PDB file of N, CA and C in Angstrom:
ATOM      1  N   UNK A   1       0.888  -1.111  -0.006  1.00  0.00           N
ATOM      2  CA  UNK A   1      -0.008  -0.089  -0.080  1.00  0.00           C
ATOM      3  C   UNK A   1       1.013   1.160   0.059  1.00  0.00           C
ATOM      4  N   UNK A   2       1.901   1.307   1.040  1.00  0.00           N
ATOM      5  CA  UNK A   2       2.830   2.270   0.808  1.00  0.00           C
ATOM      6  C   UNK A   2       3.673   2.501  -0.331  1.00  0.00           C
ATOM      7  N   UNK A   3       4.011   1.505  -1.127  1.00  0.00           N
ATOM      8  CA  UNK A   3       4.589   1.633  -2.324  1.00  0.00           C
ATOM      9  C   UNK A   3       3.667   2.261  -3.466  1.00  0.00           C
ATOM     10  N   UNK A   4       2.592   1.866  -3.273  1.00  0.00           N
ATOM     11  CA  UNK A   4       1.434   2.218  -4.204  1.00  0.00           C
ATOM     12  C   UNK A   4       1.355   3.815  -4.043  1.00  0.00           C
ATOM     13  N   UNK A   5       1.288   4.379  -2.937  1.00  0.00           N
ATOM     14  CA  UNK A   5       1.057   5.798  -2.734  1.00  0.00           C
ATOM     15  C   UNK A   5       2.405   6.507  -2.943  1.00  0.00           C
ATOM     16  N   UNK A   6       3.488   5.927  -2.917  1.00  0.00           N
ATOM     17  CA  UNK A   6       4.826   6.585  -3.060  1.00  0.00           C
ATOM     18  C   UNK A   6       4.849   6.819  -4.695  1.00  0.00           C
ATOM     19  N   UNK A   7       4.499   5.606  -5.492  1.00  0.00           N
ATOM     20  CA  UNK A   7       4.464   5.523  -6.750  1.00  0.00           C
ATOM     21  C   UNK A   7       3.598   6.703  -7.418  1.00  0.00           C
ATOM     22  N   UNK A   8       2.392   6.741  -6.878  1.00  0.00           N
ATOM     23  CA  UNK A   8       1.182   7.821  -7.157  1.00  0.00           C
ATOM     24  C   UNK A   8       2.073   9.284  -7.050  1.00  0.00           C
ATOM     25  N   UNK A   9       2.653   9.365  -5.930  1.00  0.00           N
ATOM     26  CA  UNK A   9       3.296  10.822  -5.651  1.00  0.00           C
ATOM     27  C   UNK A   9       4.402  11.091  -6.707  1.00  0.00           C
ATOM     28  N   UNK A  10       4.973  10.082  -6.914  1.00  0.00           N
ATOM     29  CA  UNK A  10       6.147  10.255  -7.920  1.00  0.00           C
ATOM     30  C   UNK A  10       5.637  10.431  -9.367  1.00  0.00           C
ATOM     31  N   UNK A  11       4.535   9.709  -9.648  1.00  0.00           N
ATOM     32  CA  UNK A  11       3.912   9.992 -11.030  1.00  0.00           C
ATOM     33  C   UNK A  11       3.203  11.391 -10.989  1.00  0.00           C
ATOM     34  N   UNK A  12       2.714  12.015  -9.974  1.00  0.00           N
ATOM     35  CA  UNK A  12       2.257  13.389  -9.966  1.00  0.00           C
ATOM     36  C   UNK A  12       3.401  14.326 -10.072  1.00  0.00           C
ATOM     37  N   UNK A  13       4.457  14.028  -9.277  1.00  0.00           N
ATOM     38  CA  UNK A  13       5.583  15.073  -9.403  1.00  0.00           C
ATOM     39  C   UNK A  13       6.023  15.163 -10.802  1.00  0.00           C
ATOM     40  N   UNK A  14       6.227  14.047 -11.323  1.00  0.00           N
ATOM     41  CA  UNK A  14       6.774  13.955 -12.783  1.00  0.00           C
ATOM     42  C   UNK A  14       5.784  14.701 -13.438  1.00  0.00           C
ATOM     43  N   UNK A  15       4.585  14.582 -13.619  1.00  0.00           N
ATOM     44  CA  UNK A  15       3.590  15.031 -14.227  1.00  0.00           C
ATOM     45  C   UNK A  15       3.706  16.756 -14.221  1.00  0.00           C
ATOM     46  N   UNK A  16       3.769  17.307 -12.942  1.00  0.00           N
ATOM     47  CA  UNK A  16       3.941  18.743 -12.622  1.00  0.00           C
ATOM     48  C   UNK A  16       5.231  19.142 -13.400  1.00  0.00           C
ATOM     49  N   UNK A  17       6.363  18.375 -13.166  1.00  0.00           N
ATOM     50  CA  UNK A  17       7.530  18.806 -13.900  1.00  0.00           C
ATOM     51  C   UNK A  17       7.585  19.074 -15.403  1.00  0.00           C
ATOM     52  N   UNK A  18       6.763  17.928 -16.032  1.00  0.00           N
ATOM     53  CA  UNK A  18       6.569  18.050 -17.470  1.00  0.00           C
ATOM     54  C   UNK A  18       5.845  19.114 -17.867  1.00  0.00           C
ATOM     55  N   UNK A  19       4.579  19.399 -17.143  1.00  0.00           N
ATOM     56  CA  UNK A  19       3.860  20.433 -17.561  1.00  0.00           C
ATOM     57  C   UNK A  19       4.435  21.758 -17.389  1.00  0.00           C
ATOM     58  N   UNK A  20       5.253  21.932 -16.318  1.00  0.00           N
ATOM     59  CA  UNK A  20       5.961  23.180 -16.132  1.00  0.00           C
ATOM     60  C   UNK A  20       6.924  23.409 -17.137  1.00  0.00           C
ATOM     61  N   UNK A  21       7.725  22.307 -17.561  1.00  0.00           N
ATOM     62  CA  UNK A  21       8.823  22.494 -18.636  1.00  0.00           C
ATOM     63  C   UNK A  21       8.356  22.656 -19.924  1.00  0.00           C
ATOM     64  N   UNK A  22       7.075  22.212 -20.221  1.00  0.00           N
ATOM     65  CA  UNK A  22       6.587  22.594 -21.522  1.00  0.00           C
ATOM     66  C   UNK A  22       5.731  23.817 -21.413  1.00  0.00           C
ATOM     67  N   UNK A  23       5.521  24.474 -20.428  1.00  0.00           N
ATOM     68  CA  UNK A  23       4.784  25.523 -20.087  1.00  0.00           C
ATOM     69  C   UNK A  23       3.252  25.293 -20.272  1.00  0.00           C
ATOM     70  N   UNK A  24       2.786  24.282 -19.975  1.00  0.00           N
ATOM     71  CA  UNK A  24       1.495  23.866 -20.105  1.00  0.00           C
ATOM     72  C   UNK A  24       0.780  23.937 -18.910  1.00  0.00           C
ATOM     73  N   UNK A  25       1.312  24.668 -17.838  1.00  0.00           N
ATOM     74  CA  UNK A  25       0.616  24.749 -16.625  1.00  0.00           C
ATOM     75  C   UNK A  25      -0.276  26.017 -16.467  1.00  0.00           C
ATOM     76  N   UNK A  26      -0.292  26.727 -17.514  1.00  0.00           N
ATOM     77  CA  UNK A  26      -1.299  27.684 -17.616  1.00  0.00           C
ATOM     78  C   UNK A  26      -2.619  27.324 -18.298  1.00  0.00           C
ATOM     79  N   UNK A  27      -3.639  27.418 -17.539  1.00  0.00           N
ATOM     80  CA  UNK A  27      -4.962  27.165 -18.082  1.00  0.00           C
ATOM     81  C   UNK A  27      -5.857  28.128 -17.576  1.00  0.00           C
ATOM     82  N   UNK A  28      -7.059  28.250 -18.269  1.00  0.00           N
ATOM     83  CA  UNK A  28      -8.073  29.236 -18.019  1.00  0.00           C
ATOM     84  C   UNK A  28      -8.808  29.147 -16.665  1.00  0.00           C
ATOM     85  N   UNK A  29      -8.785  27.679 -16.027  1.00  0.00           N
ATOM     86  CA  UNK A  29      -9.290  27.639 -14.782  1.00  0.00           C
ATOM     87  C   UNK A  29      -8.216  27.549 -13.528  1.00  0.00           C
ATOM     88  N   UNK A  30      -7.161  27.940 -13.898  1.00  0.00           N
ATOM     89  CA  UNK A  30      -6.147  27.863 -12.915  1.00  0.00           C
ATOM     90  C   UNK A  30      -6.241  29.319 -11.857  1.00  0.00           C
ATOM     91  N   UNK A  31      -6.902  30.290 -12.163  1.00  0.00           N
ATOM     92  CA  UNK A  31      -7.086  31.308 -11.286  1.00  0.00           C
ATOM     93  C   UNK A  31      -5.843  32.137 -11.043  1.00  0.00           C
ATOM     94  N   UNK A  32      -4.890  32.276 -12.017  1.00  0.00           N
ATOM     95  CA  UNK A  32      -3.468  33.043 -11.940  1.00  0.00           C
ATOM     96  C   UNK A  32      -3.785  34.312 -12.578  1.00  0.00           C
ATOM     97  N   UNK A  33      -4.723  34.653 -13.231  1.00  0.00           N
ATOM     98  CA  UNK A  33      -4.860  35.820 -13.921  1.00  0.00           C
ATOM     99  C   UNK A  33      -4.281  35.949 -15.257  1.00  0.00           C
ATOM    100  N   UNK A  34      -3.492  34.834 -15.619  1.00  0.00           N
ATOM    101  CA  UNK A  34      -2.814  35.067 -17.249  1.00  0.00           C
ATOM    102  C   UNK A  34      -3.740  35.028 -18.226  1.00  0.00           C
ATOM    103  N   UNK A  35      -5.041  34.298 -18.054  1.00  0.00           N
ATOM    104  CA  UNK A  35      -5.888  34.276 -19.157  1.00  0.00           C
ATOM    105  C   UNK A  35      -6.692  35.495 -19.297  1.00  0.00           C
ATOM    106  N   UNK A  36      -6.937  36.148 -18.199  1.00  0.00           N
ATOM    107  CA  UNK A  36      -7.393  37.472 -18.266  1.00  0.00           C
ATOM    108  C   UNK A  36      -6.575  38.579 -18.823  1.00  0.00           C
ATOM    109  N   UNK A  37      -5.195  38.411 -18.682  1.00  0.00           N
ATOM    110  CA  UNK A  37      -4.421  39.436 -19.221  1.00  0.00           C
ATOM    111  C   UNK A  37      -4.468  39.217 -20.740  1.00  0.00           C
ATOM    112  N   UNK A  38      -4.592  38.118 -21.493  1.00  0.00           N
ATOM    113  CA  UNK A  38      -4.578  37.962 -22.855  1.00  0.00           C
ATOM    114  C   UNK A  38      -6.078  38.352 -23.318  1.00  0.00           C
ATOM    115  N   UNK A  39      -7.198  38.067 -22.501  1.00  0.00           N
ATOM    116  CA  UNK A  39      -8.466  38.500 -23.129  1.00  0.00           C
ATOM    117  C   UNK A  39      -8.899  40.175 -22.831  1.00  0.00           C
ATOM    118  N   UNK A  40      -8.536  40.693 -21.628  1.00  0.00           N
ATOM    119  CA  UNK A  40      -8.872  41.913 -21.559  1.00  0.00           C
ATOM    120  C   UNK A  40      -7.610  42.894 -21.787  1.00  0.00           C
ATOM    121  N   UNK A  41      -8.135  44.010 -22.337  1.00  0.00           N
ATOM    122  CA  UNK A  41      -7.095  45.077 -22.689  1.00  0.00           C
ATOM    123  C   UNK A  41      -7.430  46.229 -22.001  1.00  0.00           C
ATOM    124  N   UNK A  42      -6.369  47.043 -21.397  1.00  0.00           N
ATOM    125  CA  UNK A  42      -6.496  48.285 -20.649  1.00  0.00           C
ATOM    126  C   UNK A  42      -7.483  49.350 -21.467  1.00  0.00           C
ATOM    127  N   UNK A  43      -8.335  49.980 -20.624  1.00  0.00           N
ATOM    128  CA  UNK A  43      -9.065  51.190 -21.493  1.00  0.00           C
ATOM    129  C   UNK A  43      -8.157  52.258 -21.888  1.00  0.00           C
ATOM    130  N   UNK A  44      -8.577  52.628 -22.907  1.00  0.00           N
ATOM    131  CA  UNK A  44      -7.731  54.024 -23.495  1.00  0.00           C
ATOM    132  C   UNK A  44      -8.517  55.165 -22.750  1.00  0.00           C
ATOM    133  N   UNK A  45      -7.688  56.177 -22.899  1.00  0.00           N
ATOM    134  CA  UNK A  45      -8.099  57.457 -22.090  1.00  0.00           C
ATOM    135  C   UNK A  45      -9.489  57.947 -22.779  1.00  0.00           C
ATOM    136  N   UNK A  46      -9.567  57.776 -23.978  1.00  0.00           N
ATOM    137  CA  UNK A  46     -10.857  58.023 -24.753  1.00  0.00           C
ATOM    138  C   UNK A  46     -12.113  57.260 -24.030  1.00  0.00           C
ATOM    139  N   UNK A  47     -11.846  55.860 -23.951  1.00  0.00           N
ATOM    140  CA  UNK A  47     -12.776  54.916 -23.396  1.00  0.00           C
ATOM    141  C   UNK A  47     -13.318  55.257 -22.009  1.00  0.00           C
ATOM    142  N   UNK A  48     -12.318  55.665 -21.057  1.00  0.00           N
ATOM    143  CA  UNK A  48     -12.472  56.289 -19.771  1.00  0.00           C
ATOM    144  C   UNK A  48     -13.402  57.420 -19.896  1.00  0.00           C
ATOM    145  N   UNK A  49     -12.975  58.446 -20.657  1.00  0.00           N
ATOM    146  CA  UNK A  49     -13.750  59.650 -20.739  1.00  0.00           C
ATOM    147  C   UNK A  49     -15.193  59.383 -21.111  1.00  0.00           C
ATOM    148  N   UNK A  50     -15.371  58.655 -22.287  1.00  0.00           N
ATOM    149  CA  UNK A  50     -16.636  58.241 -22.679  1.00  0.00           C
ATOM    150  C   UNK A  50     -17.524  57.471 -21.630  1.00  0.00           C
ATOM    151  N   UNK A  51     -16.940  56.520 -20.939  1.00  0.00           N
ATOM    152  CA  UNK A  51     -17.765  55.789 -19.837  1.00  0.00           C
ATOM    153  C   UNK A  51     -18.007  56.957 -18.758  1.00  0.00           C
ATOM    154  N   UNK A  52     -17.062  57.721 -18.357  1.00  0.00           N
ATOM    155  CA  UNK A  52     -17.384  58.800 -17.147  1.00  0.00           C
ATOM    156  C   UNK A  52     -18.641  59.727 -17.705  1.00  0.00           C
ATOM    157  N   UNK A  53     -18.486  60.242 -18.973  1.00  0.00           N
ATOM    158  CA  UNK A  53     -19.636  60.988 -19.670  1.00  0.00           C
ATOM    159  C   UNK A  53     -20.826  60.322 -19.474  1.00  0.00           C
ATOM    160  N   UNK A  54     -20.853  59.130 -20.043  1.00  0.00           N
ATOM    161  CA  UNK A  54     -22.001  58.519 -19.932  1.00  0.00           C
ATOM    162  C   UNK A  54     -22.793  58.285 -18.773  1.00  0.00           C
ATOM    163  N   UNK A  55     -21.940  57.854 -17.656  1.00  0.00           N
ATOM    164  CA  UNK A  55     -22.385  57.706 -16.353  1.00  0.00           C
ATOM    165  C   UNK A  55     -22.887  59.067 -15.606  1.00  0.00           C
ATOM    166  N   UNK A  56     -22.241  60.052 -15.865  1.00  0.00           N
ATOM    167  CA  UNK A  56     -22.934  61.267 -15.619  1.00  0.00           C
ATOM    168  C   UNK A  56     -24.166  61.689 -16.035  1.00  0.00           C
ATOM    169  N   UNK A  57     -24.244  61.389 -17.483  1.00  0.00           N
ATOM    170  CA  UNK A  57     -25.489  61.496 -18.380  1.00  0.00           C
ATOM    171  C   UNK A  57     -26.699  60.796 -17.709  1.00  0.00           C
ATOM    172  N   UNK A  58     -26.304  59.652 -17.387  1.00  0.00           N
ATOM    173  CA  UNK A  58     -27.516  58.815 -16.687  1.00  0.00           C
ATOM    174  C   UNK A  58     -27.970  59.135 -15.420  1.00  0.00           C
ATOM    175  N   UNK A  59     -26.765  59.686 -14.544  1.00  0.00           N
ATOM    176  CA  UNK A  59     -27.289  60.126 -13.206  1.00  0.00           C
ATOM    177  C   UNK A  59     -28.070  61.332 -13.317  1.00  0.00           C
ATOM    178  N   UNK A  60     -27.768  62.291 -14.163  1.00  0.00           N
ATOM    179  CA  UNK A  60     -28.421  63.573 -14.522  1.00  0.00           C
ATOM    180  C   UNK A  60     -29.786  63.063 -14.814  1.00  0.00           C
ATOM    181  N   UNK A  61     -29.955  62.048 -15.810  1.00  0.00           N
ATOM    182  CA  UNK A  61     -31.454  61.931 -16.113  1.00  0.00           C
ATOM    183  C   UNK A  61     -32.239  61.130 -15.121  1.00  0.00           C
ATOM    184  N   UNK A  62     -31.499  60.405 -14.235  1.00  0.00           N
ATOM    185  CA  UNK A  62     -32.259  59.631 -13.115  1.00  0.00           C
ATOM    186  C   UNK A  62     -32.730  60.814 -12.149  1.00  0.00           C
ATOM    187  N   UNK A  63     -32.053  61.763 -12.013  1.00  0.00           N
ATOM    188  CA  UNK A  63     -32.441  62.834 -11.011  1.00  0.00           C
ATOM    189  C   UNK A  63     -33.734  63.634 -11.384  1.00  0.00           C
ATOM    190  N   UNK A  64     -34.178  63.366 -12.654  1.00  0.00           N
ATOM    191  CA  UNK A  64     -35.441  64.166 -13.159  1.00  0.00           C
ATOM    192  C   UNK A  64     -36.570  63.170 -13.135  1.00  0.00           C
ATOM    193  N   UNK A  65     -36.347  61.925 -12.579  1.00  0.00           N
ATOM    194  CA  UNK A  65     -37.527  61.008 -12.463  1.00  0.00           C
ATOM    195  C   UNK A  65     -38.273  61.365 -11.069  1.00  0.00           C
ATOM    196  N   UNK A  66     -39.237  60.719 -10.876  1.00  0.00           N
ATOM    197  CA  UNK A  66     -40.042  60.854  -9.693  1.00  0.00           C
ATOM    198  C   UNK A  66     -39.302  60.017  -8.502  1.00  0.00           C
ATOM    199  N   UNK A  67     -39.659  60.295  -7.335  1.00  0.00           N
ATOM    200  CA  UNK A  67     -39.115  59.507  -6.181  1.00  0.00           C
ATOM    201  C   UNK A  67     -39.383  58.117  -6.345  1.00  0.00           C
ATOM    202  N   UNK A  68     -40.514  57.771  -6.586  1.00  0.00           N
ATOM    203  CA  UNK A  68     -40.947  56.379  -6.687  1.00  0.00           C
ATOM    204  C   UNK A  68     -40.104  55.670  -7.784  1.00  0.00           C
ATOM    205  N   UNK A  69     -40.151  56.306  -8.968  1.00  0.00           N
ATOM    206  CA  UNK A  69     -39.372  55.615 -10.113  1.00  0.00           C
ATOM    207  C   UNK A  69     -37.819  55.522  -9.708  1.00  0.00           C
ATOM    208  N   UNK A  70     -37.415  56.509  -9.013  1.00  0.00           N
ATOM    209  CA  UNK A  70     -35.868  56.412  -8.808  1.00  0.00           C
ATOM    210  C   UNK A  70     -35.685  55.267  -7.622  1.00  0.00           C
ATOM    211  N   UNK A  71     -36.596  55.198  -6.733  1.00  0.00           N
ATOM    212  CA  UNK A  71     -36.510  54.030  -5.812  1.00  0.00           C
ATOM    213  C   UNK A  71     -36.565  52.682  -6.619  1.00  0.00           C
ATOM    214  N   UNK A  72     -37.588  52.613  -7.223  1.00  0.00           N
ATOM    215  CA  UNK A  72     -37.996  51.232  -7.941  1.00  0.00           C
ATOM    216  C   UNK A  72     -36.790  50.883  -8.695  1.00  0.00           C
ATOM    217  N   UNK A  73     -36.224  51.803  -9.604  1.00  0.00           N
ATOM    218  CA  UNK A  73     -35.236  51.718 -10.541  1.00  0.00           C
ATOM    219  C   UNK A  73     -33.755  51.132  -9.845  1.00  0.00           C
ATOM    220  N   UNK A  74     -33.642  51.777  -8.668  1.00  0.00           N
ATOM    221  CA  UNK A  74     -32.601  51.470  -7.780  1.00  0.00           C
ATOM    222  C   UNK A  74     -32.658  50.033  -7.265  1.00  0.00           C
ATOM    223  N   UNK A  75     -33.828  49.669  -6.682  1.00  0.00           N
ATOM    224  CA  UNK A  75     -34.093  48.346  -6.203  1.00  0.00           C
ATOM    225  C   UNK A  75     -33.873  47.338  -7.348  1.00  0.00           C
ATOM    226  N   UNK A  76     -34.582  47.477  -8.522  1.00  0.00           N
ATOM    227  CA  UNK A  76     -34.582  46.585  -9.458  1.00  0.00           C
ATOM    228  C   UNK A  76     -33.240  46.326 -10.274  1.00  0.00           C
ATOM    229  N   UNK A  77     -32.589  47.420 -10.450  1.00  0.00           N
ATOM    230  CA  UNK A  77     -31.273  47.328 -11.415  1.00  0.00           C
ATOM    231  C   UNK A  77     -29.943  47.252 -10.447  1.00  0.00           C
ATOM    232  N   UNK A  78     -30.025  48.022  -9.281  1.00  0.00           N
ATOM    233  CA  UNK A  78     -28.513  48.210  -8.705  1.00  0.00           C
ATOM    234  C   UNK A  78     -28.700  47.409  -7.396  1.00  0.00           C
ATOM    235  N   UNK A  79     -29.846  47.022  -6.879  1.00  0.00           N
ATOM    236  CA  UNK A  79     -29.732  46.108  -5.722  1.00  0.00           C
ATOM    237  C   UNK A  79     -30.246  44.646  -6.058  1.00  0.00           C
ATOM    238  N   UNK A  80     -30.754  44.405  -7.210  1.00  0.00           N
ATOM    239  CA  UNK A  80     -30.938  43.202  -7.962  1.00  0.00           C
ATOM    240  C   UNK A  80     -32.254  42.494  -7.395  1.00  0.00           C
ATOM    241  N   UNK A  81     -33.181  43.467  -6.875  1.00  0.00           N
ATOM    242  CA  UNK A  81     -34.442  42.764  -6.415  1.00  0.00           C
ATOM    243  C   UNK A  81     -35.426  42.329  -7.636  1.00  0.00           C
ATOM    244  N   UNK A  82     -36.127  41.458  -7.188  1.00  0.00           N
ATOM    245  CA  UNK A  82     -37.335  41.083  -8.265  1.00  0.00           C
ATOM    246  C   UNK A  82     -38.348  41.990  -8.293  1.00  0.00           C
ATOM    247  N   UNK A  83     -39.215  42.064  -9.335  1.00  0.00           N
ATOM    248  CA  UNK A  83     -40.259  42.755  -9.506  1.00  0.00           C
ATOM    249  C   UNK A  83     -41.272  42.488  -8.384  1.00  0.00           C
ATOM    250  N   UNK A  84     -41.501  41.131  -8.313  1.00  0.00           N
ATOM    251  CA  UNK A  84     -42.495  40.830  -7.196  1.00  0.00           C
ATOM    252  C   UNK A  84     -42.120  41.309  -5.853  1.00  0.00           C
ATOM    253  N   UNK A  85     -40.631  41.015  -5.465  1.00  0.00           N
ATOM    254  CA  UNK A  85     -40.390  41.653  -4.124  1.00  0.00           C
ATOM    255  C   UNK A  85     -40.633  43.152  -3.886  1.00  0.00           C
ATOM    256  N   UNK A  86     -40.387  43.717  -4.969  1.00  0.00           N
ATOM    257  CA  UNK A  86     -40.711  45.136  -4.854  1.00  0.00           C
ATOM    258  C   UNK A  86     -42.139  45.442  -4.646  1.00  0.00           C
ATOM    259  N   UNK A  87     -42.861  44.791  -5.400  1.00  0.00           N
ATOM    260  CA  UNK A  87     -44.418  45.007  -5.426  1.00  0.00           C
ATOM    261  C   UNK A  87     -44.781  44.665  -3.961  1.00  0.00           C
ATOM    262  N   UNK A  88     -44.258  43.526  -3.434  1.00  0.00           N
ATOM    263  CA  UNK A  88     -44.721  43.012  -2.050  1.00  0.00           C
ATOM    264  C   UNK A  88     -44.372  44.180  -0.999  1.00  0.00           C
ATOM    265  N   UNK A  89     -43.077  44.546  -1.109  1.00  0.00           N
ATOM    266  CA  UNK A  89     -42.697  45.591  -0.292  1.00  0.00           C
ATOM    267  C   UNK A  89     -43.380  46.814  -0.082  1.00  0.00           C
ATOM    268  N   UNK A  90     -43.955  47.335  -1.448  1.00  0.00           N
ATOM    269  CA  UNK A  90     -44.623  48.475  -1.456  1.00  0.00           C
ATOM    270  C   UNK A  90     -46.203  48.338  -1.370  1.00  0.00           C
ATOM    271  N   UNK A  91     -46.444  46.937  -1.337  1.00  0.00           N
ATOM    272  CA  UNK A  91     -47.801  46.698  -1.134  1.00  0.00           C
ATOM    273  C   UNK A  91     -48.792  47.030  -2.417  1.00  0.00           C
ATOM    274  N   UNK A  92     -48.104  47.263  -3.515  1.00  0.00           N
ATOM    275  CA  UNK A  92     -48.852  47.411  -4.774  1.00  0.00           C
ATOM    276  C   UNK A  92     -48.758  46.020  -5.637  1.00  0.00           C
ATOM    277  N   UNK A  93     -49.424  46.218  -6.931  1.00  0.00           N
ATOM    278  CA  UNK A  93     -49.514  45.208  -7.823  1.00  0.00           C
ATOM    279  C   UNK A  93     -48.450  45.052  -8.617  1.00  0.00           C
ATOM    280  N   UNK A  94     -47.939  43.738  -9.022  1.00  0.00           N
ATOM    281  CA  UNK A  94     -46.843  43.671  -9.899  1.00  0.00           C
ATOM    282  C   UNK A  94     -46.859  44.424 -11.163  1.00  0.00           C
ATOM    283  N   UNK A  95     -47.990  44.537 -11.906  1.00  0.00           N
ATOM    284  CA  UNK A  95     -48.014  45.253 -13.088  1.00  0.00           C
ATOM    285  C   UNK A  95     -47.842  46.734 -12.747  1.00  0.00           C
ATOM    286  N   UNK A  96     -47.908  47.186 -11.643  1.00  0.00           N
ATOM    287  CA  UNK A  96     -47.666  48.521 -11.387  1.00  0.00           C
ATOM    288  C   UNK A  96     -46.262  48.998 -11.379  1.00  0.00           C
ATOM    289  N   UNK A  97     -45.548  47.975 -10.774  1.00  0.00           N
ATOM    290  CA  UNK A  97     -43.952  48.207 -10.852  1.00  0.00           C
ATOM    291  C   UNK A  97     -43.616  47.899 -12.205  1.00  0.00           C
ATOM    292  N   UNK A  98     -44.057  46.979 -12.987  1.00  0.00           N
ATOM    293  CA  UNK A  98     -43.573  46.842 -14.347  1.00  0.00           C
ATOM    294  C   UNK A  98     -43.794  47.996 -15.139  1.00  0.00           C
ATOM    295  N   UNK A  99     -45.137  48.744 -15.085  1.00  0.00           N
ATOM    296  CA  UNK A  99     -45.257  50.091 -15.704  1.00  0.00           C
ATOM    297  C   UNK A  99     -44.373  51.134 -15.366  1.00  0.00           C
ATOM    298  N   UNK A 100     -44.086  51.160 -13.931  1.00  0.00           N
ATOM    299  CA  UNK A 100     -43.431  52.211 -13.435  1.00  0.00           C
ATOM    300  C   UNK A 100     -41.744  52.253 -13.945  1.00  0.00           C
ATOM    301  N   UNK A 101     -41.418  50.919 -13.911  1.00  0.00           N
ATOM    302  CA  UNK A 101     -40.137  50.698 -14.673  1.00  0.00           C
ATOM    303  C   UNK A 101     -40.023  50.925 -15.984  1.00  0.00           C
ATOM    304  N   UNK A 102     -40.977  50.613 -16.767  1.00  0.00           N
ATOM    305  CA  UNK A 102     -40.861  50.771 -18.230  1.00  0.00           C
ATOM    306  C   UNK A 102     -40.891  52.316 -18.608  1.00  0.00           C
ATOM    307  N   UNK A 103     -41.781  52.899 -17.625  1.00  0.00           N
ATOM    308  CA  UNK A 103     -41.982  54.426 -17.991  1.00  0.00           C
ATOM    309  C   UNK A 103     -40.738  55.160 -17.512  1.00  0.00           C
ATOM    310  N   UNK A 104     -39.912  54.675 -16.426  1.00  0.00           N
ATOM    311  CA  UNK A 104     -38.774  55.281 -16.118  1.00  0.00           C
ATOM    312  C   UNK A 104     -37.740  55.122 -17.155  1.00  0.00           C
ATOM    313  N   UNK A 105     -37.528  53.665 -17.612  1.00  0.00           N
ATOM    314  CA  UNK A 105     -36.487  53.673 -18.730  1.00  0.00           C
ATOM    315  C   UNK A 105     -36.855  54.338 -19.982  1.00  0.00           C
ATOM    316  N   UNK A 106     -38.040  54.632 -20.304  1.00  0.00           N
ATOM    317  CA  UNK A 106     -38.496  55.285 -21.293  1.00  0.00           C
ATOM    318  C   UNK A 106     -38.025  56.547 -21.303  1.00  0.00           C
ATOM    319  N   UNK A 107     -38.213  57.256 -20.106  1.00  0.00           N
ATOM    320  CA  UNK A 107     -37.885  58.539 -19.750  1.00  0.00           C
ATOM    321  C   UNK A 107     -36.376  58.763 -19.838  1.00  0.00           C
ATOM    322  N   UNK A 108     -35.658  57.909 -19.359  1.00  0.00           N
ATOM    323  CA  UNK A 108     -34.171  58.003 -19.320  1.00  0.00           C
ATOM    324  C   UNK A 108     -33.826  57.985 -20.829  1.00  0.00           C
ATOM    325  N   UNK A 109     -34.327  57.054 -21.545  1.00  0.00           N
ATOM    326  CA  UNK A 109     -33.820  57.046 -23.005  1.00  0.00           C
ATOM    327  C   UNK A 109     -34.090  58.311 -23.619  1.00  0.00           C
ATOM    328  N   UNK A 110     -35.291  58.787 -23.399  1.00  0.00           N
ATOM    329  CA  UNK A 110     -35.723  60.167 -24.162  1.00  0.00           C
ATOM    330  C   UNK A 110     -34.933  61.302 -23.815  1.00  0.00           C
ATOM    331  N   UNK A 111     -34.531  61.207 -22.547  1.00  0.00           N
ATOM    332  CA  UNK A 111     -33.723  62.429 -21.862  1.00  0.00           C
ATOM    333  C   UNK A 111     -32.381  62.510 -22.512  1.00  0.00           C
ATOM    334  N   UNK A 112     -31.800  61.023 -22.520  1.00  0.00           N
ATOM    335  CA  UNK A 112     -30.263  61.052 -23.185  1.00  0.00           C
ATOM    336  C   UNK A 112     -30.295  61.415 -24.528  1.00  0.00           C
ATOM    337  N   UNK A 113     -31.461  60.962 -25.163  1.00  0.00           N
ATOM    338  CA  UNK A 113     -31.309  61.274 -26.529  1.00  0.00           C
ATOM    339  C   UNK A 113     -31.457  62.712 -26.955  1.00  0.00           C
ATOM    340  N   UNK A 114     -32.284  63.419 -26.212  1.00  0.00           N
ATOM    341  CA  UNK A 114     -32.487  64.751 -26.258  1.00  0.00           C
ATOM    342  C   UNK A 114     -31.030  65.534 -26.092  1.00  0.00           C
ATOM    343  N   UNK A 115     -30.392  65.034 -25.035  1.00  0.00           N
ATOM    344  CA  UNK A 115     -29.248  65.786 -24.614  1.00  0.00           C
ATOM    345  C   UNK A 115     -28.229  65.501 -25.758  1.00  0.00           C
ATOM    346  N   UNK A 116     -28.172  64.422 -26.409  1.00  0.00           N
ATOM    347  CA  UNK A 116     -27.185  64.070 -27.496  1.00  0.00           C
ATOM    348  C   UNK A 116     -27.618  65.047 -28.768  1.00  0.00           C
ATOM    349  N   UNK A 117     -28.873  65.133 -28.994  1.00  0.00           N
ATOM    350  CA  UNK A 117     -29.286  65.889 -30.168  1.00  0.00           C
ATOM    351  C   UNK A 117     -29.033  67.163 -29.844  1.00  0.00           C
ATOM    352  N   UNK A 118     -29.093  67.900 -28.773  1.00  0.00           N
ATOM    353  CA  UNK A 118     -28.731  69.242 -28.498  1.00  0.00           C
ATOM    354  C   UNK A 118     -27.299  69.657 -28.788  1.00  0.00           C
ATOM    355  N   UNK A 119     -26.389  68.530 -28.472  1.00  0.00           N
ATOM    356  CA  UNK A 119     -25.077  68.783 -28.552  1.00  0.00           C
ATOM    357  C   UNK A 119     -24.648  68.647 -30.016  1.00  0.00           C
TER     358      UNK A 119
END
């Protein structure tokens, strides 16, 4: 039994040496971040600027919503609550929350399009 365990350890060590020697020890599921370096690229200054500008534009548009729409939007999309949870918490019907969210998203879209048109 002891010999079998030693043989298994030797085989495993040999396998690790071979994979390291042939640089085959980098895998996508290893968690060492090497795969991410190959897939993701750093943002350019232009991309960072556009991202910040878009975020500010959305925040400004959210400020023009009603308090109920702001609260429901935050709960649904930022806190990850389900529509039924929000409805139960507020004591209203599921369709009321759906309508409110749809109206708030439509308003956000309209506001951002108007702002871009003016510029």
